[in-house]
Full PDB file with SEQRES, HELIX, SHEET, SSBOND, CRYST1, ORIGX, SCALE, CONECT and MASTER records, all heavy atoms in Angstrom:
SEQRES   1 A   38  ALA ILE ILE GLY ARG PRO ASN VAL GLY LYS SER THR LEU          
SEQRES   2 A   38  VAL ASN ARG LEU ALA GLU GLY ARG ASP ALA ILE VAL HIS          
SEQRES   3 A   38  ASP GLU PRO GLY VAL THR ARG ASP ARG THR TYR ARG              
HELIX    1 AA1 LYS A   10  LEU A   17  1                                   8    
CRYST1    1.000    1.000    1.000  90.00  90.00  90.00 P 1           1          
ORIGX1      1.000000  0.000000  0.000000        0.00000                         
ORIGX2      0.000000  1.000000  0.000000        0.00000                         
ORIGX3      0.000000  0.000000  1.000000        0.00000                         
SCALE1      1.000000  0.000000  0.000000        0.00000                         
SCALE2      0.000000  1.000000  0.000000        0.00000                         
SCALE3      0.000000  0.000000  1.000000        0.00000                         
ATOM      1  N   ALA A   1     -10.910   1.810   4.214  1.00  0.00           N  
ATOM      2  CA  ALA A   1     -10.008   0.639   4.206  1.00  0.00           C  
ATOM      3  C   ALA A   1      -9.654   0.224   2.748  1.00  0.00           C  
ATOM      4  O   ALA A   1     -10.550   0.084   1.987  1.00  0.00           O  
ATOM      5  CB  ALA A   1     -10.626  -0.506   5.039  1.00  0.00           C  
ATOM      6  N   ILE A   2      -8.404  -0.033   2.576  1.00  0.00           N  
ATOM      7  CA  ILE A   2      -7.950  -0.578   1.222  1.00  0.00           C  
ATOM      8  C   ILE A   2      -7.711  -2.104   1.374  1.00  0.00           C  
ATOM      9  O   ILE A   2      -6.880  -2.479   2.124  1.00  0.00           O  
ATOM     10  CB  ILE A   2      -6.652   0.113   0.763  1.00  0.00           C  
ATOM     11  CG1 ILE A   2      -6.716   1.625   0.939  1.00  0.00           C  
ATOM     12  CG2 ILE A   2      -6.292  -0.306  -0.665  1.00  0.00           C  
ATOM     13  CD1 ILE A   2      -7.787   2.241  -0.015  1.00  0.00           C  
ATOM     14  N   ILE A   3      -8.531  -2.870   0.709  1.00  0.00           N  
ATOM     15  CA  ILE A   3      -8.556  -4.360   0.870  1.00  0.00           C  
ATOM     16  C   ILE A   3      -8.211  -4.986  -0.431  1.00  0.00           C  
ATOM     17  O   ILE A   3      -8.580  -4.493  -1.542  1.00  0.00           O  
ATOM     18  CB  ILE A   3      -9.968  -4.778   1.337  1.00  0.00           C  
ATOM     19  CG1 ILE A   3     -10.384  -4.114   2.582  1.00  0.00           C  
ATOM     20  CG2 ILE A   3     -10.012  -6.310   1.533  1.00  0.00           C  
ATOM     21  CD1 ILE A   3      -9.581  -4.506   3.813  1.00  0.00           C  
ATOM     22  N   GLY A   4      -7.508  -6.076  -0.352  1.00  0.00           N  
ATOM     23  CA  GLY A   4      -7.183  -6.867  -1.557  1.00  0.00           C  
ATOM     24  C   GLY A   4      -6.136  -7.917  -1.250  1.00  0.00           C  
ATOM     25  O   GLY A   4      -5.522  -7.979  -0.213  1.00  0.00           O  
ATOM     26  N   ARG A   5      -5.868  -8.794  -2.220  1.00  0.00           N  
ATOM     27  CA  ARG A   5      -4.922  -9.869  -2.088  1.00  0.00           C  
ATOM     28  C   ARG A   5      -3.497  -9.254  -2.217  1.00  0.00           C  
ATOM     29  O   ARG A   5      -3.394  -8.002  -2.647  1.00  0.00           O  
ATOM     30  CB  ARG A   5      -5.074 -10.973  -3.042  1.00  0.00           C  
ATOM     31  CG  ARG A   5      -5.037 -10.546  -4.515  1.00  0.00           C  
ATOM     32  CD  ARG A   5      -5.347 -11.766  -5.406  1.00  0.00           C  
ATOM     33  NE  ARG A   5      -5.334 -11.349  -6.865  1.00  0.00           N  
ATOM     34  CZ  ARG A   5      -4.282 -11.245  -7.640  1.00  0.00           C  
ATOM     35  NH1 ARG A   5      -3.124 -11.405  -7.159  1.00  0.00           N  
ATOM     36  NH2 ARG A   5      -4.453 -10.868  -8.848  1.00  0.00           N  
ATOM     37  N   PRO A   6      -2.421  -9.973  -2.072  1.00  0.00           N  
ATOM     38  CA  PRO A   6      -1.072  -9.385  -2.106  1.00  0.00           C  
ATOM     39  C   PRO A   6      -0.725  -8.895  -3.582  1.00  0.00           C  
ATOM     40  O   PRO A   6      -1.188  -9.527  -4.577  1.00  0.00           O  
ATOM     41  CB  PRO A   6      -0.208 -10.562  -1.732  1.00  0.00           C  
ATOM     42  CG  PRO A   6      -1.002 -11.433  -0.888  1.00  0.00           C  
ATOM     43  CD  PRO A   6      -2.349 -11.319  -1.456  1.00  0.00           C  
ATOM     44  N   ASN A   7       0.008  -7.879  -3.651  1.00  0.00           N  
ATOM     45  CA  ASN A   7       0.609  -7.380  -4.882  1.00  0.00           C  
ATOM     46  C   ASN A   7      -0.402  -6.981  -5.985  1.00  0.00           C  
ATOM     47  O   ASN A   7      -0.102  -7.164  -7.170  1.00  0.00           O  
ATOM     48  CB  ASN A   7       1.535  -8.430  -5.493  1.00  0.00           C  
ATOM     49  CG  ASN A   7       2.974  -8.312  -4.864  1.00  0.00           C  
ATOM     50  OD1 ASN A   7       3.087  -7.753  -3.781  1.00  0.00           O  
ATOM     51  ND2 ASN A   7       3.976  -8.861  -5.484  1.00  0.00           N  
ATOM     52  N   VAL A   8      -1.464  -6.399  -5.593  1.00  0.00           N  
ATOM     53  CA  VAL A   8      -2.451  -5.819  -6.589  1.00  0.00           C  
ATOM     54  C   VAL A   8      -2.286  -4.340  -6.682  1.00  0.00           C  
ATOM     55  O   VAL A   8      -2.953  -3.676  -7.514  1.00  0.00           O  
ATOM     56  CB  VAL A   8      -3.910  -6.176  -6.191  1.00  0.00           C  
ATOM     57  CG1 VAL A   8      -4.147  -7.652  -6.331  1.00  0.00           C  
ATOM     58  CG2 VAL A   8      -4.241  -5.663  -4.822  1.00  0.00           C  
ATOM     59  N   GLY A   9      -1.389  -3.759  -5.861  1.00  0.00           N  
ATOM     60  CA  GLY A   9      -1.092  -2.306  -5.955  1.00  0.00           C  
ATOM     61  C   GLY A   9      -1.869  -1.491  -4.861  1.00  0.00           C  
ATOM     62  O   GLY A   9      -2.047  -0.297  -5.157  1.00  0.00           O  
ATOM     63  N   LYS A  10      -2.157  -2.098  -3.745  1.00  0.00           N  
ATOM     64  CA  LYS A  10      -2.873  -1.325  -2.725  1.00  0.00           C  
ATOM     65  C   LYS A  10      -2.054  -0.189  -2.216  1.00  0.00           C  
ATOM     66  O   LYS A  10      -2.509   0.949  -2.068  1.00  0.00           O  
ATOM     67  CB  LYS A  10      -3.214  -2.275  -1.538  1.00  0.00           C  
ATOM     68  CG  LYS A  10      -4.161  -3.384  -1.889  1.00  0.00           C  
ATOM     69  CD  LYS A  10      -4.615  -4.188  -0.746  1.00  0.00           C  
ATOM     70  CE  LYS A  10      -3.447  -4.952  -0.109  1.00  0.00           C  
ATOM     71  NZ  LYS A  10      -2.760  -5.879  -0.944  1.00  0.00           N  
ATOM     72  N   SER A  11      -0.806  -0.383  -1.920  1.00  0.00           N  
ATOM     73  CA  SER A  11       0.063   0.666  -1.418  1.00  0.00           C  
ATOM     74  C   SER A  11       0.275   1.779  -2.380  1.00  0.00           C  
ATOM     75  O   SER A  11       0.392   2.953  -2.089  1.00  0.00           O  
ATOM     76  CB  SER A  11       1.423   0.136  -0.910  1.00  0.00           C  
ATOM     77  OG  SER A  11       1.235  -0.776   0.206  1.00  0.00           O  
ATOM     78  N   THR A  12       0.430   1.385  -3.717  1.00  0.00           N  
ATOM     79  CA  THR A  12       0.545   2.411  -4.769  1.00  0.00           C  
ATOM     80  C   THR A  12      -0.715   3.298  -4.836  1.00  0.00           C  
ATOM     81  O   THR A  12      -0.628   4.468  -5.012  1.00  0.00           O  
ATOM     82  CB  THR A  12       0.821   1.748  -6.059  1.00  0.00           C  
ATOM     83  OG1 THR A  12       1.989   0.896  -5.991  1.00  0.00           O  
ATOM     84  CG2 THR A  12       1.057   2.765  -7.144  1.00  0.00           C  
ATOM     85  N   LEU A  13      -1.842   2.673  -4.647  1.00  0.00           N  
ATOM     86  CA  LEU A  13      -3.123   3.377  -4.696  1.00  0.00           C  
ATOM     87  C   LEU A  13      -3.174   4.315  -3.512  1.00  0.00           C  
ATOM     88  O   LEU A  13      -3.621   5.532  -3.640  1.00  0.00           O  
ATOM     89  CB  LEU A  13      -4.325   2.414  -4.618  1.00  0.00           C  
ATOM     90  CG  LEU A  13      -5.695   3.060  -4.769  1.00  0.00           C  
ATOM     91  CD1 LEU A  13      -5.870   3.865  -5.999  1.00  0.00           C  
ATOM     92  CD2 LEU A  13      -6.776   2.041  -4.632  1.00  0.00           C  
ATOM     93  N   VAL A  14      -2.738   3.859  -2.306  1.00  0.00           N  
ATOM     94  CA  VAL A  14      -2.713   4.706  -1.086  1.00  0.00           C  
ATOM     95  C   VAL A  14      -1.884   5.910  -1.358  1.00  0.00           C  
ATOM     96  O   VAL A  14      -2.258   7.071  -1.017  1.00  0.00           O  
ATOM     97  CB  VAL A  14      -2.194   3.905   0.143  1.00  0.00           C  
ATOM     98  CG1 VAL A  14      -1.863   4.842   1.251  1.00  0.00           C  
ATOM     99  CG2 VAL A  14      -3.236   2.904   0.527  1.00  0.00           C  
ATOM    100  N   ASN A  15      -0.688   5.763  -1.929  1.00  0.00           N  
ATOM    101  CA  ASN A  15       0.190   6.899  -2.253  1.00  0.00           C  
ATOM    102  C   ASN A  15      -0.452   7.869  -3.217  1.00  0.00           C  
ATOM    103  O   ASN A  15      -0.322   9.047  -3.093  1.00  0.00           O  
ATOM    104  CB  ASN A  15       1.514   6.353  -2.814  1.00  0.00           C  
ATOM    105  CG  ASN A  15       2.392   5.747  -1.728  1.00  0.00           C  
ATOM    106  OD1 ASN A  15       2.266   5.981  -0.537  1.00  0.00           O  
ATOM    107  ND2 ASN A  15       3.310   5.013  -2.159  1.00  0.00           N  
ATOM    108  N   ARG A  16      -1.202   7.310  -4.197  1.00  0.00           N  
ATOM    109  CA  ARG A  16      -1.919   8.169  -5.103  1.00  0.00           C  
ATOM    110  C   ARG A  16      -2.960   8.947  -4.424  1.00  0.00           C  
ATOM    111  O   ARG A  16      -3.119  10.162  -4.673  1.00  0.00           O  
ATOM    112  CB  ARG A  16      -2.498   7.288  -6.271  1.00  0.00           C  
ATOM    113  CG  ARG A  16      -3.360   8.004  -7.205  1.00  0.00           C  
ATOM    114  CD  ARG A  16      -2.605   9.067  -8.046  1.00  0.00           C  
ATOM    115  NE  ARG A  16      -1.491   8.512  -8.762  1.00  0.00           N  
ATOM    116  CZ  ARG A  16      -0.648   9.236  -9.462  1.00  0.00           C  
ATOM    117  NH1 ARG A  16      -0.863  10.545  -9.577  1.00  0.00           N  
ATOM    118  NH2 ARG A  16       0.357   8.637 -10.164  1.00  0.00           N  
ATOM    119  N   LEU A  17      -3.757   8.338  -3.576  1.00  0.00           N  
ATOM    120  CA  LEU A  17      -4.955   9.029  -3.001  1.00  0.00           C  
ATOM    121  C   LEU A  17      -4.439  10.032  -1.916  1.00  0.00           C  
ATOM    122  O   LEU A  17      -5.073  11.098  -1.768  1.00  0.00           O  
ATOM    123  CB  LEU A  17      -5.814   7.962  -2.293  1.00  0.00           C  
ATOM    124  CG  LEU A  17      -6.512   6.955  -3.282  1.00  0.00           C  
ATOM    125  CD1 LEU A  17      -7.455   6.069  -2.484  1.00  0.00           C  
ATOM    126  CD2 LEU A  17      -7.264   7.662  -4.406  1.00  0.00           C  
ATOM    127  N   ALA A  18      -3.361   9.636  -1.261  1.00  0.00           N  
ATOM    128  CA  ALA A  18      -2.818  10.554  -0.290  1.00  0.00           C  
ATOM    129  C   ALA A  18      -1.795  11.603  -0.773  1.00  0.00           C  
ATOM    130  O   ALA A  18      -1.229  12.419  -0.011  1.00  0.00           O  
ATOM    131  CB  ALA A  18      -2.141   9.766   0.898  1.00  0.00           C  
ATOM    132  N   GLU A  19      -1.594  11.566  -2.125  1.00  0.00           N  
ATOM    133  CA  GLU A  19      -0.622  12.442  -2.851  1.00  0.00           C  
ATOM    134  C   GLU A  19       0.733  12.510  -2.091  1.00  0.00           C  
ATOM    135  O   GLU A  19       1.258  13.518  -1.831  1.00  0.00           O  
ATOM    136  CB  GLU A  19      -1.258  13.841  -2.885  1.00  0.00           C  
ATOM    137  CG  GLU A  19      -2.587  13.939  -3.695  1.00  0.00           C  
ATOM    138  CD  GLU A  19      -3.065  15.320  -3.844  1.00  0.00           C  
ATOM    139  OE1 GLU A  19      -2.515  16.176  -3.194  1.00  0.00           O  
ATOM    140  OE2 GLU A  19      -3.972  15.485  -4.653  1.00  0.00           O  
ATOM    141  N   GLY A  20       1.199  11.304  -1.854  1.00  0.00           N  
ATOM    142  CA  GLY A  20       2.544  11.216  -1.271  1.00  0.00           C  
ATOM    143  C   GLY A  20       3.152   9.897  -1.553  1.00  0.00           C  
ATOM    144  O   GLY A  20       2.552   9.031  -2.243  1.00  0.00           O  
ATOM    145  N   ARG A  21       4.338   9.594  -0.976  1.00  0.00           N  
ATOM    146  CA  ARG A  21       4.998   8.289  -1.130  1.00  0.00           C  
ATOM    147  C   ARG A  21       5.307   7.757   0.228  1.00  0.00           C  
ATOM    148  O   ARG A  21       6.405   7.304   0.513  1.00  0.00           O  
ATOM    149  CB  ARG A  21       6.254   8.460  -1.958  1.00  0.00           C  
ATOM    150  CG  ARG A  21       6.000   8.988  -3.351  1.00  0.00           C  
ATOM    151  CD  ARG A  21       7.208   8.935  -4.223  1.00  0.00           C  
ATOM    152  NE  ARG A  21       7.716   7.590  -4.429  1.00  0.00           N  
ATOM    153  CZ  ARG A  21       8.815   7.276  -5.104  1.00  0.00           C  
ATOM    154  NH1 ARG A  21       9.558   8.235  -5.625  1.00  0.00           N  
ATOM    155  NH2 ARG A  21       9.282   6.025  -5.211  1.00  0.00           N  
ATOM    156  N   ASP A  22       4.306   7.842   1.139  1.00  0.00           N  
ATOM    157  CA  ASP A  22       4.517   7.348   2.506  1.00  0.00           C  
ATOM    158  C   ASP A  22       4.462   5.845   2.639  1.00  0.00           C  
ATOM    159  O   ASP A  22       5.102   5.210   3.473  1.00  0.00           O  
ATOM    160  CB  ASP A  22       3.494   8.004   3.476  1.00  0.00           C  
ATOM    161  CG  ASP A  22       3.826   9.524   3.644  1.00  0.00           C  
ATOM    162  OD1 ASP A  22       5.022   9.879   3.557  1.00  0.00           O  
ATOM    163  OD2 ASP A  22       2.900  10.252   3.800  1.00  0.00           O  
ATOM    164  N   ALA A  23       3.543   5.172   1.876  1.00  0.00           N  
ATOM    165  CA  ALA A  23       3.385   3.732   1.987  1.00  0.00           C  
ATOM    166  C   ALA A  23       4.566   3.093   1.208  1.00  0.00           C  
ATOM    167  O   ALA A  23       4.922   3.443   0.148  1.00  0.00           O  
ATOM    168  CB  ALA A  23       2.064   3.302   1.394  1.00  0.00           C  
ATOM    169  N   ILE A  24       5.104   2.095   1.825  1.00  0.00           N  
ATOM    170  CA  ILE A  24       6.217   1.313   1.250  1.00  0.00           C  
ATOM    171  C   ILE A  24       5.752   0.458   0.027  1.00  0.00           C  
ATOM    172  O   ILE A  24       4.811  -0.320   0.223  1.00  0.00           O  
ATOM    173  CB  ILE A  24       6.936   0.441   2.245  1.00  0.00           C  
ATOM    174  CG1 ILE A  24       7.512   1.306   3.346  1.00  0.00           C  
ATOM    175  CG2 ILE A  24       8.041  -0.349   1.576  1.00  0.00           C  
ATOM    176  CD1 ILE A  24       8.200   0.509   4.498  1.00  0.00           C  
ATOM    177  N   VAL A  25       6.354   0.653  -1.122  1.00  0.00           N  
ATOM    178  CA  VAL A  25       5.990  -0.078  -2.289  1.00  0.00           C  
ATOM    179  C   VAL A  25       7.215  -0.829  -2.756  1.00  0.00           C  
ATOM    180  O   VAL A  25       8.270  -0.302  -2.976  1.00  0.00           O  
ATOM    181  CB  VAL A  25       5.495   0.880  -3.462  1.00  0.00           C  
ATOM    182  CG1 VAL A  25       5.166   0.047  -4.726  1.00  0.00           C  
ATOM    183  CG2 VAL A  25       4.344   1.649  -3.012  1.00  0.00           C  
ATOM    184  N   HIS A  26       7.107  -2.187  -2.801  1.00  0.00           N  
ATOM    185  CA  HIS A  26       8.259  -2.992  -3.189  1.00  0.00           C  
ATOM    186  C   HIS A  26       7.795  -4.251  -3.789  1.00  0.00           C  
ATOM    187  O   HIS A  26       6.712  -4.820  -3.410  1.00  0.00           O  
ATOM    188  CB  HIS A  26       9.045  -3.319  -1.836  1.00  0.00           C  
ATOM    189  CG  HIS A  26      10.464  -3.919  -2.170  1.00  0.00           C  
ATOM    190  ND1 HIS A  26      11.449  -3.144  -2.750  1.00  0.00           N  
ATOM    191  CD2 HIS A  26      10.932  -5.129  -1.966  1.00  0.00           C  
ATOM    192  CE1 HIS A  26      12.568  -3.981  -2.808  1.00  0.00           C  
ATOM    193  NE2 HIS A  26      12.260  -5.136  -2.352  1.00  0.00           N  
ATOM    194  N   ASP A  27       8.497  -4.786  -4.805  1.00  0.00           N  
ATOM    195  CA  ASP A  27       8.040  -5.965  -5.531  1.00  0.00           C  
ATOM    196  C   ASP A  27       8.305  -7.197  -4.675  1.00  0.00           C  
ATOM    197  O   ASP A  27       9.192  -8.060  -5.062  1.00  0.00           O  
ATOM    198  CB  ASP A  27       8.777  -6.019  -6.822  1.00  0.00           C  
ATOM    199  CG  ASP A  27       8.124  -7.117  -7.759  1.00  0.00           C  
ATOM    200  OD1 ASP A  27       6.991  -7.583  -7.475  1.00  0.00           O  
ATOM    201  OD2 ASP A  27       8.786  -7.456  -8.797  1.00  0.00           O  
ATOM    202  N   GLU A  28       7.533  -7.375  -3.682  1.00  0.00           N  
ATOM    203  CA  GLU A  28       7.696  -8.559  -2.768  1.00  0.00           C  
ATOM    204  C   GLU A  28       6.391  -8.726  -1.970  1.00  0.00           C  
ATOM    205  O   GLU A  28       5.925  -7.809  -1.372  1.00  0.00           O  
ATOM    206  CB  GLU A  28       8.829  -8.277  -1.830  1.00  0.00           C  
ATOM    207  CG  GLU A  28       9.057  -9.381  -0.729  1.00  0.00           C  
ATOM    208  CD  GLU A  28      10.100  -8.981   0.243  1.00  0.00           C  
ATOM    209  OE1 GLU A  28      11.142  -8.350  -0.127  1.00  0.00           O  
ATOM    210  OE2 GLU A  28       9.931  -9.329   1.447  1.00  0.00           O  
ATOM    211  N   PRO A  29       5.786  -9.952  -2.010  1.00  0.00           N  
ATOM    212  CA  PRO A  29       4.572 -10.106  -1.283  1.00  0.00           C  
ATOM    213  C   PRO A  29       4.784  -9.959   0.300  1.00  0.00           C  
ATOM    214  O   PRO A  29       5.893 -10.299   0.815  1.00  0.00           O  
ATOM    215  CB  PRO A  29       4.209 -11.621  -1.538  1.00  0.00           C  
ATOM    216  CG  PRO A  29       4.964 -11.930  -2.810  1.00  0.00           C  
ATOM    217  CD  PRO A  29       6.185 -11.158  -2.721  1.00  0.00           C  
ATOM    218  N   GLY A  30       3.777  -9.370   0.983  1.00  0.00           N  
ATOM    219  CA  GLY A  30       3.917  -9.325   2.406  1.00  0.00           C  
ATOM    220  C   GLY A  30       4.631  -8.083   2.924  1.00  0.00           C  
ATOM    221  O   GLY A  30       4.944  -8.069   4.056  1.00  0.00           O  
ATOM    222  N   VAL A  31       4.942  -7.185   2.030  1.00  0.00           N  
ATOM    223  CA  VAL A  31       5.639  -5.905   2.476  1.00  0.00           C  
ATOM    224  C   VAL A  31       4.851  -5.181   3.493  1.00  0.00           C  
ATOM    225  O   VAL A  31       5.306  -4.773   4.564  1.00  0.00           O  
ATOM    226  CB  VAL A  31       6.086  -5.033   1.338  1.00  0.00           C  
ATOM    227  CG1 VAL A  31       6.550  -3.700   1.725  1.00  0.00           C  
ATOM    228  CG2 VAL A  31       7.121  -5.710   0.448  1.00  0.00           C  
ATOM    229  N   THR A  32       3.595  -4.954   3.170  1.00  0.00           N  
ATOM    230  CA  THR A  32       2.651  -4.316   4.156  1.00  0.00           C  
ATOM    231  C   THR A  32       2.077  -5.404   5.037  1.00  0.00           C  
ATOM    232  O   THR A  32       1.492  -6.360   4.586  1.00  0.00           O  
ATOM    233  CB  THR A  32       1.517  -3.590   3.391  1.00  0.00           C  
ATOM    234  OG1 THR A  32       2.115  -2.693   2.510  1.00  0.00           O  
ATOM    235  CG2 THR A  32       0.653  -2.895   4.381  1.00  0.00           C  
ATOM    236  N   ARG A  33       2.227  -5.184   6.357  1.00  0.00           N  
ATOM    237  CA  ARG A  33       1.759  -6.220   7.324  1.00  0.00           C  
ATOM    238  C   ARG A  33       0.699  -5.622   8.257  1.00  0.00           C  
ATOM    239  O   ARG A  33      -0.351  -6.184   8.457  1.00  0.00           O  
ATOM    240  CB  ARG A  33       2.892  -6.766   8.099  1.00  0.00           C  
ATOM    241  CG  ARG A  33       3.879  -7.600   7.264  1.00  0.00           C  
ATOM    242  CD  ARG A  33       5.099  -8.028   7.976  1.00  0.00           C  
ATOM    243  NE  ARG A  33       5.942  -8.899   7.159  1.00  0.00           N  
ATOM    244  CZ  ARG A  33       7.139  -9.384   7.520  1.00  0.00           C  
ATOM    245  NH1 ARG A  33       7.677  -9.026   8.729  1.00  0.00           N  
ATOM    246  NH2 ARG A  33       7.789 -10.137   6.770  1.00  0.00           N  
ATOM    247  N   ASP A  34       1.061  -4.472   8.920  1.00  0.00           N  
ATOM    248  CA  ASP A  34       0.110  -3.823   9.789  1.00  0.00           C  
ATOM    249  C   ASP A  34      -0.829  -2.939   8.981  1.00  0.00           C  
ATOM    250  O   ASP A  34      -0.654  -2.781   7.751  1.00  0.00           O  
ATOM    251  CB  ASP A  34       0.899  -2.943  10.796  1.00  0.00           C  
ATOM    252  CG  ASP A  34       1.795  -3.814  11.667  1.00  0.00           C  
ATOM    253  OD1 ASP A  34       1.268  -4.597  12.522  1.00  0.00           O  
ATOM    254  OD2 ASP A  34       3.055  -3.726  11.477  1.00  0.00           O  
ATOM    255  N   ARG A  35      -1.735  -2.278   9.646  1.00  0.00           N  
ATOM    256  CA  ARG A  35      -2.543  -1.277   8.935  1.00  0.00           C  
ATOM    257  C   ARG A  35      -1.935   0.118   9.131  1.00  0.00           C  
ATOM    258  O   ARG A  35      -1.622   0.490  10.269  1.00  0.00           O  
ATOM    259  CB  ARG A  35      -4.023  -1.365   9.322  1.00  0.00           C  
ATOM    260  CG  ARG A  35      -4.291  -1.649  10.807  1.00  0.00           C  
ATOM    261  CD  ARG A  35      -5.800  -1.857  11.008  1.00  0.00           C  
ATOM    262  NE  ARG A  35      -6.255  -1.198  12.134  1.00  0.00           N  
ATOM    263  CZ  ARG A  35      -6.179  -1.758  13.371  1.00  0.00           C  
ATOM    264  NH1 ARG A  35      -5.573  -2.874  13.545  1.00  0.00           N  
ATOM    265  NH2 ARG A  35      -6.653  -1.000  14.408  1.00  0.00           N  
ATOM    266  N   THR A  36      -1.720   0.827   8.033  1.00  0.00           N  
ATOM    267  CA  THR A  36      -1.082   2.077   8.115  1.00  0.00           C  
ATOM    268  C   THR A  36      -2.050   3.181   7.587  1.00  0.00           C  
ATOM    269  O   THR A  36      -2.770   2.972   6.631  1.00  0.00           O  
ATOM    270  CB  THR A  36       0.144   2.160   7.267  1.00  0.00           C  
ATOM    271  OG1 THR A  36      -0.101   1.861   5.901  1.00  0.00           O  
ATOM    272  CG2 THR A  36       1.156   1.132   7.752  1.00  0.00           C  
ATOM    273  N   TYR A  37      -2.142   4.335   8.232  1.00  0.00           N  
ATOM    274  CA  TYR A  37      -3.141   5.346   7.990  1.00  0.00           C  
ATOM    275  C   TYR A  37      -2.473   6.565   7.319  1.00  0.00           C  
ATOM    276  O   TYR A  37      -1.410   6.974   7.724  1.00  0.00           O  
ATOM    277  CB  TYR A  37      -3.784   5.794   9.299  1.00  0.00           C  
ATOM    278  CG  TYR A  37      -4.605   4.778  10.011  1.00  0.00           C  
ATOM    279  CD1 TYR A  37      -4.085   3.577  10.474  1.00  0.00           C  
ATOM    280  CD2 TYR A  37      -5.970   5.013  10.221  1.00  0.00           C  
ATOM    281  CE1 TYR A  37      -4.820   2.665  11.135  1.00  0.00           C  
ATOM    282  CE2 TYR A  37      -6.736   4.080  10.789  1.00  0.00           C  
ATOM    283  CZ  TYR A  37      -6.203   2.879  11.297  1.00  0.00           C  
ATOM    284  OH  TYR A  37      -6.931   1.898  11.952  1.00  0.00           O  
ATOM    285  N   ARG A  38      -3.133   7.091   6.235  1.00  0.00           N  
ATOM    286  CA  ARG A  38      -2.678   8.244   5.597  1.00  0.00           C  
ATOM    287  C   ARG A  38      -3.815   9.191   5.354  1.00  0.00           C  
ATOM    288  O   ARG A  38      -4.938   8.805   5.048  1.00  0.00           O  
ATOM    289  CB  ARG A  38      -2.059   7.872   4.222  1.00  0.00           C  
ATOM    290  CG  ARG A  38      -0.999   6.885   4.259  1.00  0.00           C  
ATOM    291  CD  ARG A  38       0.363   7.446   4.702  1.00  0.00           C  
ATOM    292  NE  ARG A  38       1.408   6.422   4.782  1.00  0.00           N  
ATOM    293  CZ  ARG A  38       1.812   5.817   5.819  1.00  0.00           C  
ATOM    294  NH1 ARG A  38       1.329   6.193   7.015  1.00  0.00           N  
ATOM    295  NH2 ARG A  38       2.766   4.908   5.796  1.00  0.00           N  
TER     296      ARG A  38                                                      
MASTER        0    0    0    1    0    0    0    6  295    1    0    3          
END                                                                             
């Protein structure tokens, strides 16, 4: 599980660990809402 407050780069880290760009990364709080698996 990737845990943290908004906009610390969780989705960017997910993309790095999963070696892809599947998680949506956007400069806006609350972009990720559900839990997404990679």
